[in-house]
C-alpha atoms as a PDB file:
ATOM      1  CA  MET A   1     103.288 145.373-167.363  1.00  0.00           C
ATOM      2  CA  PRO A   2     100.046 144.089-166.176  1.00  0.00           C
ATOM      3  CA  GLU A   3     100.927 143.960-162.306  1.00  0.00           C
ATOM      4  CA  ASP A   4     102.110 147.666-162.721  1.00  0.00           C
ATOM      5  CA  VAL A   5      98.773 148.702-164.087  1.00  0.00           C
ATOM      6  CA  LEU A   6      97.205 146.876-161.228  1.00  0.00           C
ATOM      7  CA  ASP A   7      99.610 148.344-158.560  1.00  0.00           C
ATOM      8  CA  ALA A   8      98.780 151.703-159.850  1.00  0.00           C
ATOM      9  CA  ARG A   9      95.072 151.216-159.896  1.00  0.00           C
ATOM     10  CA  PHE A  10      95.008 149.926-156.090  1.00  0.00           C
ATOM     11  CA  ASP A  11      97.567 152.760-155.433  1.00  0.00           C
ATOM     12  CA  ARG A  12      94.914 155.196-156.648  1.00  0.00           C
ATOM     13  CA  LEU A  13      92.004 153.244-154.828  1.00  0.00           C
ATOM     14  CA  ARG A  14      93.790 153.479-151.679  1.00  0.00           C
ATOM     15  CA  GLN A  15      94.419 157.363-152.035  1.00  0.00           C
ATOM     16  CA  ASP A  16      90.927 157.855-152.960  1.00  0.00           C
ATOM     17  CA  LEU A  17      89.895 155.897-149.488  1.00  0.00           C
ATOM     18  CA  ARG A  18      92.243 158.056-147.755  1.00  0.00           C
ATOM     19  CA  GLN A  19      90.753 160.915-149.066  1.00  0.00           C
ATOM     20  CA  ASP A  20      87.274 160.040-148.465  1.00  0.00           C
ATOM     21  CA  ILE A  21      88.426 159.396-144.778  1.00  0.00           C
ATOM     22  CA  GLN A  22      90.013 162.643-144.281  1.00  0.00           C
ATOM     23  CA  ALA A  23      86.978 164.333-145.821  1.00  0.00           C
ATOM     24  CA  SER A  24      84.844 162.658-143.485  1.00  0.00           C
ATOM     25  CA  ALA A  25      87.248 163.213-140.569  1.00  0.00           C
ATOM     26  CA  ASP A  26      87.307 167.193-141.505  1.00  0.00           C
ATOM     27  CA  ARG A  27      83.326 167.226-141.476  1.00  0.00           C
ATOM     28  CA  LEU A  28      83.129 165.522-138.100  1.00  0.00           C
ATOM     29  CA  ARG A  29      85.406 168.122-136.802  1.00  0.00           C
ATOM     30  CA  GLN A  30      83.291 171.142-138.463  1.00  0.00           C
ATOM     31  CA  ASP A  31      80.078 169.583-136.900  1.00  0.00           C
ATOM     32  CA  LEU A  32      81.791 168.932-133.491  1.00  0.00           C
ATOM     33  CA  ARG A  33      83.176 172.736-133.556  1.00  0.00           C
ATOM     34  CA  GLN A  34      79.672 173.896-134.569  1.00  0.00           C
ATOM     35  CA  ASP A  35      78.082 171.921-131.537  1.00  0.00           C
ATOM     36  CA  ILE A  36      80.889 173.134-129.098  1.00  0.00           C
ATOM     37  CA  GLN A  37      79.896 176.815-130.157  1.00  0.00           C
ATOM     38  CA  ALA A  38      76.409 176.304-129.846  1.00  0.00           C
ATOM     39  CA  THR A  39      76.502 174.978-126.525  1.00  0.00           C
ATOM     40  CA  ALA A  40      79.007 177.911-125.593  1.00  0.00           C
ATOM     41  CA  ASP A  41      76.430 180.533-126.833  1.00  0.00           C
ATOM     42  CA  GLY A  42      73.853 178.905-124.855  1.00  0.00           C
ATOM     43  CA  LEU A  43      75.732 179.130-121.819  1.00  0.00           C
ATOM     44  CA  ARG A  44      76.747 182.594-122.157  1.00  0.00           C
ATOM     45  CA  GLN A  45      72.849 183.473-123.003  1.00  0.00           C
ATOM     46  CA  GLU A  46      71.991 181.733-119.842  1.00  0.00           C
ATOM     47  CA  PHE A  47      74.664 183.323-117.514  1.00  0.00           C
ATOM     48  CA  ARG A  48      73.491 186.802-119.065  1.00  0.00           C
ATOM     49  CA  GLN A  49      69.986 186.111-118.492  1.00  0.00           C
ATOM     50  CA  ASP A  50      70.576 184.708-114.786  1.00  0.00           C
ATOM     51  CA  ILE A  51      73.134 187.941-114.064  1.00  0.00           C
ATOM     52  CA  GLN A  52      69.948 190.135-115.165  1.00  0.00           C
ATOM     53  CA  ALA A  53      67.464 188.529-113.058  1.00  0.00           C
ATOM     54  CA  SER A  54      69.760 188.760-110.209  1.00  0.00           C
ATOM     55  CA  ALA A  55      70.464 192.460-110.753  1.00  0.00           C
ATOM     56  CA  ALA A  56      66.845 193.328-111.296  1.00  0.00           C
ATOM     57  CA  GLU A  57      65.989 191.639-107.791  1.00  0.00           C
ATOM     58  CA  LEU A  58      68.665 193.203-106.001  1.00  0.00           C
ATOM     59  CA  ARG A  59      67.675 196.572-107.370  1.00  0.00           C
ATOM     60  CA  GLN A  60      64.381 196.194-106.244  1.00  0.00           C
ATOM     61  CA  ASP A  61      65.312 195.133-102.927  1.00  0.00           C
ATOM     62  CA  PHE A  62      67.676 198.001-102.608  1.00  0.00           C
ATOM     63  CA  ARG A  63      65.120 200.733-103.445  1.00  0.00           C
ATOM     64  CA  GLN A  64      62.589 199.253-100.795  1.00  0.00           C
ATOM     65  CA  GLU A  65      65.512 199.487 -98.115  1.00  0.00           C
ATOM     66  CA  ILE A  66      66.551 202.770 -98.959  1.00  0.00           C
ATOM     67  CA  GLN A  67      62.969 204.171 -98.901  1.00  0.00           C
ATOM     68  CA  ALA A  68      62.264 202.404 -95.461  1.00  0.00           C
ATOM     69  CA  SER A  69      65.430 203.722 -93.566  1.00  0.00           C
ATOM     70  CA  ALA A  70      68.297 205.947 -95.025  1.00  0.00           C
ATOM     71  CA  ASP A  71      70.798 206.188 -92.225  1.00  0.00           C
ATOM     72  CA  GLY A  72      70.530 202.749 -90.801  1.00  0.00           C
ATOM     73  CA  LEU A  73      70.674 201.295 -94.322  1.00  0.00           C
ATOM     74  CA  ARG A  74      73.842 202.648 -95.286  1.00  0.00           C
ATOM     75  CA  GLN A  75      75.723 200.065 -93.038  1.00  0.00           C
ATOM     76  CA  GLU A  76      73.495 197.519 -93.701  1.00  0.00           C
ATOM     77  CA  PHE A  77      73.679 198.279 -97.336  1.00  0.00           C
ATOM     78  CA  ARG A  78      77.331 197.715 -97.607  1.00  0.00           C
ATOM     79  CA  GLN A  79      77.218 194.315 -95.295  1.00  0.00           C
ATOM     80  CA  ASP A  80      74.570 193.214 -98.015  1.00  0.00           C
ATOM     81  CA  ILE A  81      76.695 193.999-100.795  1.00  0.00           C
ATOM     82  CA  GLN A  82      79.690 192.169 -99.852  1.00  0.00           C
ATOM     83  CA  ALA A  83      77.660 189.208 -98.712  1.00  0.00           C
ATOM     84  CA  SER A  84      75.645 189.008-101.920  1.00  0.00           C
ATOM     85  CA  ALA A  85      78.749 189.511-104.127  1.00  0.00           C
ATOM     86  CA  ALA A  86      80.226 186.493-102.085  1.00  0.00           C
ATOM     87  CA  GLU A  87      77.252 184.680-102.576  1.00  0.00           C
ATOM     88  CA  LEU A  88      77.509 185.490-106.355  1.00  0.00           C
ATOM     89  CA  ARG A  89      80.822 184.436-106.790  1.00  0.00           C
ATOM     90  CA  GLN A  90      80.172 181.266-104.642  1.00  0.00           C
ATOM     91  CA  ASP A  91      77.245 180.660-107.166  1.00  0.00           C
ATOM     92  CA  PHE A  92      79.196 181.659-110.468  1.00  0.00           C
ATOM     93  CA  ARG A  93      81.946 179.089-109.304  1.00  0.00           C
ATOM     94  CA  GLN A  94      79.424 176.212-108.773  1.00  0.00           C
ATOM     95  CA  GLU A  95      77.412 177.026-111.970  1.00  0.00           C
ATOM     96  CA  ILE A  96      80.786 177.344-113.998  1.00  0.00           C
ATOM     97  CA  GLN A  97      82.279 173.842-112.179  1.00  0.00           C
ATOM     98  CA  ALA A  98      78.884 172.193-112.843  1.00  0.00           C
ATOM     99  CA  SER A  99      78.988 173.510-116.642  1.00  0.00           C
ATOM    100  CA  ALA A 100      82.434 172.329-116.899  1.00  0.00           C
ATOM    101  CA  VAL A 101      81.538 168.864-115.760  1.00  0.00           C
ATOM    102  CA  GLU A 102      78.799 168.649-117.969  1.00  0.00           C
ATOM    103  CA  THR A 103      80.859 170.182-120.974  1.00  0.00           C
ATOM    104  CA  ARG A 104      83.520 167.704-119.911  1.00  0.00           C
ATOM    105  CA  ARG A 105      81.163 164.825-120.279  1.00  0.00           C
ATOM    106  CA  HIS A 106      79.610 166.031-123.411  1.00  0.00           C
ATOM    107  CA  PHE A 107      83.097 166.008-125.166  1.00  0.00           C
ATOM    108  CA  GLU A 108      83.889 162.463-123.894  1.00  0.00           C
ATOM    109  CA  VAL A 109      80.658 161.338-124.998  1.00  0.00           C
ATOM    110  CA  ILE A 110      81.428 162.754-128.467  1.00  0.00           C
ATOM    111  CA  ALA A 111      84.955 161.717-128.246  1.00  0.00           C
ATOM    112  CA  GLU A 112      84.122 158.109-127.747  1.00  0.00           C
ATOM    113  CA  GLY A 113      81.601 158.352-130.519  1.00  0.00           C
ATOM    114  CA  LEU A 114      84.205 159.379-132.547  1.00  0.00           C
ATOM    115  CA  ARG A 115      86.557 156.787-131.657  1.00  0.00           C
ATOM    116  CA  SER A 116      83.555 153.868-132.445  1.00  0.00           C
ATOM    117  CA  GLU A 117      83.261 155.721-135.501  1.00  0.00           C
ATOM    118  CA  ILE A 118      87.263 155.722-136.639  1.00  0.00           C
ATOM    119  CA  GLN A 119      87.186 152.263-135.462  1.00  0.00           C
ATOM    120  CA  VAL A 120      84.703 151.072-137.998  1.00  0.00           C
ATOM    121  CA  VAL A 121      86.251 153.068-140.950  1.00  0.00           C
ATOM    122  CA  ALA A 122      89.682 151.419-139.926  1.00  0.00           C
ATOM    123  CA  GLU A 123      88.144 148.184-139.732  1.00  0.00           C
ATOM    124  CA  GLY A 124      86.430 148.607-143.337  1.00  0.00           C
ATOM    125  CA  VAL A 125      89.802 149.798-144.756  1.00  0.00           C
ATOM    126  CA  SER A 126      91.698 146.775-143.370  1.00  0.00           C
ATOM    127  CA  MET A 127      88.888 144.455-144.822  1.00  0.00           C
ATOM    128  CA  LEU A 128      89.181 146.533-148.296  1.00  0.00           C
ATOM    129  CA  ASP A 129      93.039 146.025-147.971  1.00  0.00           C
ATOM    130  CA  GLU A 130      92.600 142.318-147.378  1.00  0.00           C
ATOM    131  CA  LYS A 131      90.095 141.902-150.504  1.00  0.00           C
ATOM    132  CA  VAL A 132      92.612 144.018-152.620  1.00  0.00           C
ATOM    133  CA  ASP A 133      95.542 141.690-151.823  1.00  0.00           C
ATOM    134  CA  ARG A 134      93.468 138.506-152.330  1.00  0.00           C
ATOM    135  CA  PHE A 135      92.251 139.862-155.597  1.00  0.00           C
ATOM    136  CA  ARG A 136      95.695 140.782-156.433  1.00  0.00           C
ATOM    137  CA  ASP A 137      96.911 137.296-156.039  1.00  0.00           C
ATOM    138  CA  GLU A 138      94.117 135.637-157.698  1.00  0.00           C
ATOM    139  CA  VAL A 139      94.870 138.205-160.712  1.00  0.00           C
ATOM    140  CA  HIS A 140      98.515 137.213-160.431  1.00  0.00           C
ATOM    141  CA  GLN A 141      97.616 133.623-160.471  1.00  0.00           C
ATOM    142  CA  GLU A 142      95.218 133.669-163.653  1.00  0.00           C
ATOM    143  CA  PHE A 143      97.827 135.889-165.427  1.00  0.00           C
ATOM    144  CA  GLY A 144     100.189 132.809-164.764  1.00  0.00           C
ATOM    145  CA  LYS A 145      97.827 130.156-166.159  1.00  0.00           C
ATOM    146  CA  VAL A 146      97.565 132.542-169.176  1.00  0.00           C
ATOM    147  CA  ASP A 147     101.231 132.627-169.825  1.00  0.00           C
ATOM    148  CA  ARG A 148     101.677 128.852-169.280  1.00  0.00           C
ATOM    149  CA  ARG A 149      99.163 128.623-171.864  1.00  0.00           C
ATOM    150  CA  PHE A 150     100.185 130.960-174.222  1.00  0.00           C
ATOM    151  CA  LEU A 151     103.849 129.097-173.840  1.00  0.00           C
ATOM    152  CA  HIS A 152     102.340 125.730-174.582  1.00  0.00           C
ATOM    153  CA  LEU A 153     100.514 127.466-177.831  1.00  0.00           C
ATOM    154  CA  GLU A 154     103.974 128.823-178.966  1.00  0.00           C
ATOM    155  CA  SER A 155     105.439 125.630-178.465  1.00  0.00           C
ATOM    156  CA  ARG A 156     102.599 123.738-180.375  1.00  0.00           C
ATOM    157  CA  ILE A 157     103.026 126.421-183.232  1.00  0.00           C
ATOM    158  CA  ALA A 158     106.602 126.010-183.277  1.00  0.00           C
ATOM    159  CA  VAL A 159     106.421 122.215-183.704  1.00  0.00           C
ATOM    160  CA  LEU A 160     103.634 122.587-186.266  1.00  0.00           C
ATOM    161  CA  GLU A 161     105.924 125.147-188.379  1.00  0.00           C
ATOM    162  CA  ARG A 162     108.919 122.804-188.369  1.00  0.00           C
ATOM    163  CA  ARG A 163     106.659 119.942-190.106  1.00  0.00           C
END
């Protein structure tokens, strides 16, 4: 019966540890999601500002050129728009690619950190399991000793009662 009680306590301890580990993992996931969202929001804001700044520059250039030469500028304007659009597309592609590389690197660093933390937790759980197993063995041995002492005392009492 005492082994059942100990086993139940050990099972409850394991369950508590698993719940603690799961709660830690959930907090880590939430923190990562928040970090990712913050990074994405920052990138969106930077893109908006870059687009607005580029648009403001283009507007000013176009106004000056239109005032200088309306007839010749129509054709030139079309060419500038096409070239600018291609350049902007290329710039955006390069910025997006650079951002993707940086974000990927950031995720890899975070993932490596998580792996390390999870490994530490797993090692701790493993060590705790080993300690619990050793403790259970020690308790089992001690109960065996107590049982032998009770049997010895019972036999002595039986001998004394026969007298």
